[in-house]
Amino acid sequence: MEGKFIIGEVAKRFGITRPTLIYYDSINLLKPSVVELNGYRYYSYKDVEKLELILTLKESGLKLEKIKNFLASPSHEEAIGLLDAQVKSVDEKIEQLMKTKKIIQNRIENIEAYEAFERYPEIRLVEKEERRICKVRVDYNDDEPFSSTLRKLKTILDEFPETYGAMASKFGVCVSEENMLNGEFYIFKYIFELLETEILSSQLDVLPAGTYMTCMHDGPYHFSHLTFKRMLAYSKDHQFAIKGDGLILPIHDVWAVDSEENYMTEIQIPVER
């Protein structure tokens, strides 16, 4: 039976079911073209190639009716146009899958970073290099200023492959030096994302290099004022001059912990000794 295939062989070869091939036969999309005198029908090599094209077009998103119409009266020009359109559709699906992969990888890296992060109870002085950020100022004229700013920043970041999938719960927040010294720790100046690679956006800025007083804050955001006050008292006792805005940087995103009580952030304040 060289060059002839029974329905079970074809179904197994392409990983589809016999009922699928029977259905294609019933709608005149693909019929076995070899008919023996005893009435047995077989698929030819040409039929198998046709099925491969049908399944490829179907996988790319084309409806069976359109595939049937195309196969009924194909032309080179029409074939090129149709296949070009399907290549574009496949490229779009690949792009979306790559974005989904990036989001999953971000989650994995975030959990691993949380596990590896060195927890420390004391206040430290750390030398920081200049850091690139993408930031959006918080507009308190909005009905929901914080949520609105989060959405704006995520929209900007999702425009670029390098930063697609950034997690809003990992964005840092900035408290202006003035508000910080006045005890207004929950009036935020801007929300930002630290960048590993530069993107072309008008929202780019840098955090200046220098000495930063840092401290871990364990627990919900709404208790971070306690850590701020402790750090400001420490700077006063050691005669450090505050030299800029305070930063709150999440160590992980909210899904990495089982409750807000276990949430961890690091507060950084630029100082001069």
C-alpha atoms as a PDB file:
ATOM      1  CA  MET A   1       0.000   0.000   0.000  1.00  0.00           C
ATOM      2  CA  GLU A   2       2.902   2.323  -0.784  1.00  0.00           C
ATOM      3  CA  GLY A   3       1.712   5.892  -1.258  1.00  0.00           C
ATOM      4  CA  LYS A   4      -1.678   5.113   0.265  1.00  0.00           C
ATOM      5  CA  PHE A   5      -2.694   5.747   3.863  1.00  0.00           C
ATOM      6  CA  ILE A   6      -5.705   4.569   5.824  1.00  0.00           C
ATOM      7  CA  ILE A   7      -7.553   7.036   8.025  1.00  0.00           C
ATOM      8  CA  GLY A   8      -5.988   5.725  11.239  1.00  0.00           C
ATOM      9  CA  GLU A   9      -2.459   6.182   9.897  1.00  0.00           C
ATOM     10  CA  VAL A  10      -3.140   9.757   8.845  1.00  0.00           C
ATOM     11  CA  ALA A  11      -4.774  10.625  12.158  1.00  0.00           C
ATOM     12  CA  LYS A  12      -1.813   9.210  14.094  1.00  0.00           C
ATOM     13  CA  ARG A  13       0.720  10.958  11.870  1.00  0.00           C
ATOM     14  CA  PHE A  14      -0.768  14.410  12.520  1.00  0.00           C
ATOM     15  CA  GLY A  15      -1.935  13.864  16.082  1.00  0.00           C
ATOM     16  CA  ILE A  16      -5.606  14.360  15.276  1.00  0.00           C
ATOM     17  CA  THR A  17      -8.652  12.124  15.715  1.00  0.00           C
ATOM     18  CA  ARG A  18     -10.461   9.937  13.199  1.00  0.00           C
ATOM     19  CA  PRO A  19     -13.689  11.938  13.764  1.00  0.00           C
ATOM     20  CA  THR A  20     -11.801  15.090  12.693  1.00  0.00           C
ATOM     21  CA  LEU A  21     -10.866  13.512   9.356  1.00  0.00           C
ATOM     22  CA  ILE A  22     -14.395  12.172   8.932  1.00  0.00           C
ATOM     23  CA  TYR A  23     -15.712  15.698   9.524  1.00  0.00           C
ATOM     24  CA  TYR A  24     -13.302  17.190   6.969  1.00  0.00           C
ATOM     25  CA  ASP A  25     -14.578  14.566   4.518  1.00  0.00           C
ATOM     26  CA  SER A  26     -18.219  15.408   5.239  1.00  0.00           C
ATOM     27  CA  ILE A  27     -17.742  19.133   4.529  1.00  0.00           C
ATOM     28  CA  ASN A  28     -15.710  18.433   1.377  1.00  0.00           C
ATOM     29  CA  LEU A  29     -12.589  19.979   2.840  1.00  0.00           C
ATOM     30  CA  LEU A  30     -10.431  16.871   2.493  1.00  0.00           C
ATOM     31  CA  LYS A  31     -11.595  13.615   0.904  1.00  0.00           C
ATOM     32  CA  PRO A  32      -9.489  10.485   0.417  1.00  0.00           C
ATOM     33  CA  SER A  33      -8.632  10.587  -3.283  1.00  0.00           C
ATOM     34  CA  VAL A  34      -7.702   6.937  -3.767  1.00  0.00           C
ATOM     35  CA  VAL A  35     -10.734   4.662  -4.175  1.00  0.00           C
ATOM     36  CA  GLU A  36     -10.136   0.941  -4.706  1.00  0.00           C
ATOM     37  CA  LEU A  37     -12.466  -1.376  -6.663  1.00  0.00           C
ATOM     38  CA  ASN A  38     -13.587  -2.895  -3.390  1.00  0.00           C
ATOM     39  CA  GLY A  39     -14.749   0.551  -2.259  1.00  0.00           C
ATOM     40  CA  TYR A  40     -11.956   1.128   0.266  1.00  0.00           C
ATOM     41  CA  ARG A  41     -10.693   4.690   0.303  1.00  0.00           C
ATOM     42  CA  TYR A  42      -7.174   5.865   1.045  1.00  0.00           C
ATOM     43  CA  TYR A  43      -5.337   9.129   1.425  1.00  0.00           C
ATOM     44  CA  SER A  44      -2.586   9.833  -1.107  1.00  0.00           C
ATOM     45  CA  TYR A  45       0.658  11.741  -0.525  1.00  0.00           C
ATOM     46  CA  LYS A  46      -1.040  14.734  -2.132  1.00  0.00           C
ATOM     47  CA  ASP A  47      -3.920  14.425   0.340  1.00  0.00           C
ATOM     48  CA  VAL A  48      -1.455  14.268   3.230  1.00  0.00           C
ATOM     49  CA  GLU A  49       0.315  17.421   2.006  1.00  0.00           C
ATOM     50  CA  LYS A  50      -3.061  19.128   1.661  1.00  0.00           C
ATOM     51  CA  LEU A  51      -3.960  18.125   5.224  1.00  0.00           C
ATOM     52  CA  GLU A  52      -0.662  19.535   6.468  1.00  0.00           C
ATOM     53  CA  LEU A  53      -1.532  22.888   4.862  1.00  0.00           C
ATOM     54  CA  ILE A  54      -5.067  22.775   6.286  1.00  0.00           C
ATOM     55  CA  LEU A  55      -3.806  22.140   9.816  1.00  0.00           C
ATOM     56  CA  THR A  56      -1.122  24.821   9.492  1.00  0.00           C
ATOM     57  CA  LEU A  57      -3.639  27.445   8.353  1.00  0.00           C
ATOM     58  CA  LYS A  58      -6.094  26.342  11.042  1.00  0.00           C
ATOM     59  CA  GLU A  59      -3.403  26.572  13.739  1.00  0.00           C
ATOM     60  CA  SER A  60      -2.581  30.111  12.610  1.00  0.00           C
ATOM     61  CA  GLY A  61      -6.191  31.134  13.221  1.00  0.00           C
ATOM     62  CA  LEU A  62      -7.858  30.800   9.813  1.00  0.00           C
ATOM     63  CA  LYS A  63     -11.434  29.468   9.851  1.00  0.00           C
ATOM     64  CA  LEU A  64     -12.198  26.199   8.065  1.00  0.00           C
ATOM     65  CA  GLU A  65     -14.638  27.889   5.675  1.00  0.00           C
ATOM     66  CA  LYS A  66     -11.949  30.301   4.472  1.00  0.00           C
ATOM     67  CA  ILE A  67      -9.470  27.447   4.127  1.00  0.00           C
ATOM     68  CA  LYS A  68     -12.010  25.513   2.070  1.00  0.00           C
ATOM     69  CA  ASN A  69     -12.690  28.474  -0.226  1.00  0.00           C
ATOM     70  CA  PHE A  70      -8.974  29.047  -0.718  1.00  0.00           C
ATOM     71  CA  LEU A  71      -8.276  25.404  -1.574  1.00  0.00           C
ATOM     72  CA  ALA A  72     -11.235  25.278  -3.971  1.00  0.00           C
ATOM     73  CA  SER A  73      -9.827  27.955  -6.292  1.00  0.00           C
ATOM     74  CA  PRO A  74      -6.229  28.717  -5.411  1.00  0.00           C
ATOM     75  CA  SER A  75      -4.095  31.187  -7.336  1.00  0.00           C
ATOM     76  CA  HIS A  76      -0.486  32.137  -6.775  1.00  0.00           C
ATOM     77  CA  GLU A  77      -1.397  35.729  -5.987  1.00  0.00           C
ATOM     78  CA  GLU A  78      -4.142  34.705  -3.588  1.00  0.00           C
ATOM     79  CA  ALA A  79      -1.913  32.086  -1.982  1.00  0.00           C
ATOM     80  CA  ILE A  80       0.872  34.582  -1.346  1.00  0.00           C
ATOM     81  CA  GLY A  81      -1.560  37.113   0.124  1.00  0.00           C
ATOM     82  CA  LEU A  82      -3.205  34.542   2.373  1.00  0.00           C
ATOM     83  CA  LEU A  83       0.034  32.993   3.559  1.00  0.00           C
ATOM     84  CA  ASP A  84       1.622  36.401   4.177  1.00  0.00           C
ATOM     85  CA  ALA A  85      -1.374  37.307   6.339  1.00  0.00           C
ATOM     86  CA  GLN A  86      -1.011  34.054   8.262  1.00  0.00           C
ATOM     87  CA  VAL A  87       2.723  34.638   8.769  1.00  0.00           C
ATOM     88  CA  LYS A  88       1.831  38.005  10.286  1.00  0.00           C
ATOM     89  CA  SER A  89      -0.753  36.327  12.510  1.00  0.00           C
ATOM     90  CA  VAL A  90       1.796  33.738  13.655  1.00  0.00           C
ATOM     91  CA  ASP A  91       4.351  36.483  14.371  1.00  0.00           C
ATOM     92  CA  GLU A  92       1.793  38.283  16.533  1.00  0.00           C
ATOM     93  CA  LYS A  93       1.086  35.085  18.458  1.00  0.00           C
ATOM     94  CA  ILE A  94       4.807  34.482  18.949  1.00  0.00           C
ATOM     95  CA  GLU A  95       5.195  38.041  20.233  1.00  0.00           C
ATOM     96  CA  GLN A  96       2.344  37.520  22.689  1.00  0.00           C
ATOM     97  CA  LEU A  97       3.818  34.213  23.841  1.00  0.00           C
ATOM     98  CA  MET A  98       7.192  35.889  24.359  1.00  0.00           C
ATOM     99  CA  LYS A  99       5.476  38.532  26.476  1.00  0.00           C
ATOM    100  CA  THR A 100       3.758  35.830  28.505  1.00  0.00           C
ATOM    101  CA  LYS A 101       7.112  34.086  28.937  1.00  0.00           C
ATOM    102  CA  LYS A 102       8.647  37.358  30.141  1.00  0.00           C
ATOM    103  CA  ILE A 103       5.934  37.772  32.788  1.00  0.00           C
ATOM    104  CA  ILE A 104       6.475  34.211  34.038  1.00  0.00           C
ATOM    105  CA  GLN A 105      10.250  34.706  34.122  1.00  0.00           C
ATOM    106  CA  ASN A 106       9.778  37.936  36.073  1.00  0.00           C
ATOM    107  CA  ARG A 107       7.738  36.049  38.664  1.00  0.00           C
ATOM    108  CA  ILE A 108      10.368  33.327  39.003  1.00  0.00           C
ATOM    109  CA  GLU A 109      13.212  35.841  39.318  1.00  0.00           C
ATOM    110  CA  ASN A 110      11.238  37.820  41.873  1.00  0.00           C
ATOM    111  CA  ILE A 111      10.649  34.795  44.098  1.00  0.00           C
ATOM    112  CA  GLU A 112      14.312  33.761  43.804  1.00  0.00           C
ATOM    113  CA  ALA A 113      15.452  37.299  44.669  1.00  0.00           C
ATOM    114  CA  TYR A 114      13.190  37.274  47.726  1.00  0.00           C
ATOM    115  CA  GLU A 115      14.700  33.988  48.915  1.00  0.00           C
ATOM    116  CA  ALA A 116      18.272  35.201  48.336  1.00  0.00           C
ATOM    117  CA  PHE A 117      17.887  38.687  49.793  1.00  0.00           C
ATOM    118  CA  GLU A 118      19.987  39.364  52.880  1.00  0.00           C
ATOM    119  CA  ARG A 119      17.706  40.505  55.667  1.00  0.00           C
ATOM    120  CA  TYR A 120      19.263  42.927  58.114  1.00  0.00           C
ATOM    121  CA  PRO A 121      17.818  44.702  61.169  1.00  0.00           C
ATOM    122  CA  GLU A 122      20.317  47.544  61.508  1.00  0.00           C
ATOM    123  CA  ILE A 123      20.594  50.854  59.672  1.00  0.00           C
ATOM    124  CA  ARG A 124      23.408  50.822  57.142  1.00  0.00           C
ATOM    125  CA  LEU A 125      25.344  53.300  55.044  1.00  0.00           C
ATOM    126  CA  VAL A 126      25.732  52.067  51.483  1.00  0.00           C
ATOM    127  CA  GLU A 127      27.486  53.596  48.493  1.00  0.00           C
ATOM    128  CA  LYS A 128      25.210  53.551  45.456  1.00  0.00           C
ATOM    129  CA  GLU A 129      26.118  54.131  41.837  1.00  0.00           C
ATOM    130  CA  GLU A 130      23.889  56.229  39.601  1.00  0.00           C
ATOM    131  CA  ARG A 131      20.708  54.306  38.782  1.00  0.00           C
ATOM    132  CA  ARG A 132      18.394  54.764  35.823  1.00  0.00           C
ATOM    133  CA  ILE A 133      14.678  54.891  36.461  1.00  0.00           C
ATOM    134  CA  CYS A 134      11.417  55.433  34.629  1.00  0.00           C
ATOM    135  CA  LYS A 135       9.109  57.541  36.769  1.00  0.00           C
ATOM    136  CA  VAL A 136       5.661  59.123  36.770  1.00  0.00           C
ATOM    137  CA  ARG A 137       4.730  61.925  39.139  1.00  0.00           C
ATOM    138  CA  VAL A 138       1.751  61.362  41.394  1.00  0.00           C
ATOM    139  CA  ASP A 139      -1.077  63.756  40.547  1.00  0.00           C
ATOM    140  CA  TYR A 140      -3.188  64.280  43.655  1.00  0.00           C
ATOM    141  CA  ASN A 141      -5.861  65.972  41.558  1.00  0.00           C
ATOM    142  CA  ASP A 142      -6.847  62.513  40.275  1.00  0.00           C
ATOM    143  CA  ASP A 143      -9.665  60.708  42.047  1.00  0.00           C
ATOM    144  CA  GLU A 144      -7.338  57.761  42.663  1.00  0.00           C
ATOM    145  CA  PRO A 145      -3.861  59.310  42.440  1.00  0.00           C
ATOM    146  CA  PHE A 146      -1.804  56.278  43.474  1.00  0.00           C
ATOM    147  CA  SER A 147      -3.663  53.703  41.357  1.00  0.00           C
ATOM    148  CA  SER A 148      -3.781  56.069  38.390  1.00  0.00           C
ATOM    149  CA  THR A 149      -0.021  56.650  38.557  1.00  0.00           C
ATOM    150  CA  LEU A 150       0.666  52.917  38.799  1.00  0.00           C
ATOM    151  CA  ARG A 151      -1.376  52.330  35.634  1.00  0.00           C
ATOM    152  CA  LYS A 152       0.390  55.136  33.771  1.00  0.00           C
ATOM    153  CA  LEU A 153       3.840  53.798  34.637  1.00  0.00           C
ATOM    154  CA  LYS A 154       2.947  50.219  33.729  1.00  0.00           C
ATOM    155  CA  THR A 155       1.494  51.387  30.399  1.00  0.00           C
ATOM    156  CA  ILE A 156       4.764  53.161  29.584  1.00  0.00           C
ATOM    157  CA  LEU A 157       6.896  50.163  30.541  1.00  0.00           C
ATOM    158  CA  ASP A 158       4.737  47.686  28.619  1.00  0.00           C
ATOM    159  CA  GLU A 159       5.467  49.583  25.394  1.00  0.00           C
ATOM    160  CA  PHE A 160       9.048  48.290  25.432  1.00  0.00           C
ATOM    161  CA  PRO A 161      10.181  44.643  25.117  1.00  0.00           C
ATOM    162  CA  GLU A 162      12.945  45.273  27.670  1.00  0.00           C
ATOM    163  CA  THR A 163      10.499  46.291  30.392  1.00  0.00           C
ATOM    164  CA  TYR A 164       7.306  44.470  29.367  1.00  0.00           C
ATOM    165  CA  GLY A 165       5.673  42.620  32.229  1.00  0.00           C
ATOM    166  CA  ALA A 166       6.993  44.881  34.969  1.00  0.00           C
ATOM    167  CA  MET A 167       5.032  44.201  38.152  1.00  0.00           C
ATOM    168  CA  ALA A 168       3.200  47.204  39.564  1.00  0.00           C
ATOM    169  CA  SER A 169       3.577  45.864  43.104  1.00  0.00           C
ATOM    170  CA  LYS A 170       7.371  46.019  42.641  1.00  0.00           C
ATOM    171  CA  PHE A 171       7.441  49.710  41.676  1.00  0.00           C
ATOM    172  CA  GLY A 172       9.317  51.987  44.048  1.00  0.00           C
ATOM    173  CA  VAL A 173       7.881  55.174  45.514  1.00  0.00           C
ATOM    174  CA  CYS A 174       9.570  58.464  46.306  1.00  0.00           C
ATOM    175  CA  VAL A 175       8.865  60.734  49.276  1.00  0.00           C
ATOM    176  CA  SER A 176      10.200  64.251  48.757  1.00  0.00           C
ATOM    177  CA  GLU A 177      12.860  65.486  51.160  1.00  0.00           C
ATOM    178  CA  GLU A 178      10.530  68.259  52.321  1.00  0.00           C
ATOM    179  CA  ASN A 179       7.623  65.929  53.065  1.00  0.00           C
ATOM    180  CA  MET A 180       9.915  63.410  54.719  1.00  0.00           C
ATOM    181  CA  LEU A 181      11.397  65.993  57.087  1.00  0.00           C
ATOM    182  CA  ASN A 182       7.894  67.281  57.855  1.00  0.00           C
ATOM    183  CA  GLY A 183       6.662  63.801  58.734  1.00  0.00           C
ATOM    184  CA  GLU A 184       4.459  63.489  55.617  1.00  0.00           C
ATOM    185  CA  PHE A 185       5.647  60.003  54.717  1.00  0.00           C
ATOM    186  CA  TYR A 186       2.608  58.975  52.677  1.00  0.00           C
ATOM    187  CA  ILE A 187       2.489  61.898  50.257  1.00  0.00           C
ATOM    188  CA  PHE A 188       4.435  60.460  47.359  1.00  0.00           C
ATOM    189  CA  LYS A 189       6.337  62.545  44.841  1.00  0.00           C
ATOM    190  CA  TYR A 190       6.542  59.925  42.095  1.00  0.00           C
ATOM    191  CA  ILE A 191       6.406  56.195  41.448  1.00  0.00           C
ATOM    192  CA  PHE A 192       9.299  54.597  39.610  1.00  0.00           C
ATOM    193  CA  GLU A 193      10.834  51.435  38.181  1.00  0.00           C
ATOM    194  CA  LEU A 194      14.561  50.734  38.328  1.00  0.00           C
ATOM    195  CA  LEU A 195      15.840  49.999  34.814  1.00  0.00           C
ATOM    196  CA  GLU A 196      18.464  47.458  33.854  1.00  0.00           C
ATOM    197  CA  THR A 197      18.454  48.681  30.245  1.00  0.00           C
ATOM    198  CA  GLU A 198      17.690  52.138  28.899  1.00  0.00           C
ATOM    199  CA  ILE A 199      14.443  52.801  27.057  1.00  0.00           C
ATOM    200  CA  LEU A 200      13.449  55.719  24.864  1.00  0.00           C
ATOM    201  CA  SER A 201      10.940  57.515  27.052  1.00  0.00           C
ATOM    202  CA  SER A 202      10.445  61.090  28.195  1.00  0.00           C
ATOM    203  CA  GLN A 203       9.905  59.675  31.702  1.00  0.00           C
ATOM    204  CA  LEU A 204      13.544  58.635  32.139  1.00  0.00           C
ATOM    205  CA  ASP A 205      15.555  59.993  35.048  1.00  0.00           C
ATOM    206  CA  VAL A 206      18.439  58.958  37.295  1.00  0.00           C
ATOM    207  CA  LEU A 207      18.858  58.441  41.001  1.00  0.00           C
ATOM    208  CA  PRO A 208      22.122  60.192  41.887  1.00  0.00           C
ATOM    209  CA  ALA A 209      25.167  58.267  43.025  1.00  0.00           C
ATOM    210  CA  GLY A 210      26.299  58.752  46.600  1.00  0.00           C
ATOM    211  CA  THR A 211      25.925  57.572  50.164  1.00  0.00           C
ATOM    212  CA  TYR A 212      22.514  56.201  51.125  1.00  0.00           C
ATOM    213  CA  MET A 213      21.263  55.374  54.577  1.00  0.00           C
ATOM    214  CA  THR A 214      19.309  52.126  54.174  1.00  0.00           C
ATOM    215  CA  CYS A 215      17.077  50.050  56.413  1.00  0.00           C
ATOM    216  CA  MET A 216      14.749  47.079  55.996  1.00  0.00           C
ATOM    217  CA  HIS A 217      11.076  47.589  56.740  1.00  0.00           C
ATOM    218  CA  ASP A 218       9.100  44.448  57.563  1.00  0.00           C
ATOM    219  CA  GLY A 219       5.343  44.594  57.287  1.00  0.00           C
ATOM    220  CA  PRO A 220       2.662  46.707  55.607  1.00  0.00           C
ATOM    221  CA  TYR A 221       3.365  49.994  53.842  1.00  0.00           C
ATOM    222  CA  HIS A 222       1.186  51.892  56.290  1.00  0.00           C
ATOM    223  CA  PHE A 223       3.711  51.246  59.062  1.00  0.00           C
ATOM    224  CA  SER A 224       6.715  52.457  57.060  1.00  0.00           C
ATOM    225  CA  HIS A 225       6.596  55.809  58.883  1.00  0.00           C
ATOM    226  CA  LEU A 226       8.040  54.012  61.910  1.00  0.00           C
ATOM    227  CA  THR A 227      11.136  53.008  59.948  1.00  0.00           C
ATOM    228  CA  PHE A 228      11.436  56.491  58.426  1.00  0.00           C
ATOM    229  CA  LYS A 229      11.354  58.075  61.893  1.00  0.00           C
ATOM    230  CA  ARG A 230      13.931  55.628  63.184  1.00  0.00           C
ATOM    231  CA  MET A 231      16.249  56.451  60.269  1.00  0.00           C
ATOM    232  CA  LEU A 232      15.808  60.214  60.657  1.00  0.00           C
ATOM    233  CA  ALA A 233      16.589  59.931  64.363  1.00  0.00           C
ATOM    234  CA  TYR A 234      19.670  57.891  63.513  1.00  0.00           C
ATOM    235  CA  SER A 235      20.862  60.511  61.022  1.00  0.00           C
ATOM    236  CA  LYS A 236      20.392  63.235  63.640  1.00  0.00           C
ATOM    237  CA  ASP A 237      22.282  61.272  66.304  1.00  0.00           C
ATOM    238  CA  HIS A 238      25.183  60.670  63.913  1.00  0.00           C
ATOM    239  CA  GLN A 239      25.039  64.171  62.411  1.00  0.00           C
ATOM    240  CA  PHE A 240      24.296  63.029  58.870  1.00  0.00           C
ATOM    241  CA  ALA A 241      22.806  65.649  56.537  1.00  0.00           C
ATOM    242  CA  ILE A 242      19.806  64.553  54.486  1.00  0.00           C
ATOM    243  CA  LYS A 243      20.660  65.225  50.835  1.00  0.00           C
ATOM    244  CA  GLY A 244      17.570  64.291  48.863  1.00  0.00           C
ATOM    245  CA  ASP A 245      14.321  62.399  48.572  1.00  0.00           C
ATOM    246  CA  GLY A 246      13.543  59.179  50.415  1.00  0.00           C
ATOM    247  CA  LEU A 247      12.907  55.992  48.449  1.00  0.00           C
ATOM    248  CA  ILE A 248      10.823  52.944  49.281  1.00  0.00           C
ATOM    249  CA  LEU A 249      11.808  49.900  47.221  1.00  0.00           C
ATOM    250  CA  PRO A 250       9.879  46.618  47.500  1.00  0.00           C
ATOM    251  CA  ILE A 251      12.086  43.553  47.840  1.00  0.00           C
ATOM    252  CA  HIS A 252       9.467  41.340  46.184  1.00  0.00           C
ATOM    253  CA  ASP A 253       6.013  41.606  44.705  1.00  0.00           C
ATOM    254  CA  VAL A 254       2.884  40.933  46.739  1.00  0.00           C
ATOM    255  CA  TRP A 255       2.422  37.407  45.350  1.00  0.00           C
ATOM    256  CA  ALA A 256       5.734  36.204  46.806  1.00  0.00           C
ATOM    257  CA  VAL A 257       4.414  36.322  50.390  1.00  0.00           C
ATOM    258  CA  ASP A 258       1.332  34.873  52.026  1.00  0.00           C
ATOM    259  CA  SER A 259       0.262  38.035  53.848  1.00  0.00           C
ATOM    260  CA  GLU A 260       0.938  41.761  53.996  1.00  0.00           C
ATOM    261  CA  GLU A 261       2.517  41.246  57.416  1.00  0.00           C
ATOM    262  CA  ASN A 262       5.427  39.463  55.708  1.00  0.00           C
ATOM    263  CA  TYR A 263       5.916  42.150  53.074  1.00  0.00           C
ATOM    264  CA  MET A 264       9.458  43.528  52.894  1.00  0.00           C
ATOM    265  CA  THR A 265      10.722  46.853  51.576  1.00  0.00           C
ATOM    266  CA  GLU A 266      13.979  48.719  51.806  1.00  0.00           C
ATOM    267  CA  ILE A 267      14.006  52.424  52.589  1.00  0.00           C
ATOM    268  CA  GLN A 268      16.886  54.455  51.174  1.00  0.00           C
ATOM    269  CA  ILE A 269      17.704  58.060  52.071  1.00  0.00           C
ATOM    270  CA  PRO A 270      20.657  59.944  50.529  1.00  0.00           C
ATOM    271  CA  VAL A 271      22.911  61.469  53.187  1.00  0.00           C
ATOM    272  CA  GLU A 272      26.189  63.270  53.580  1.00  0.00           C
ATOM    273  CA  ARG A 273      28.516  62.422  56.457  1.00  0.00           C
END
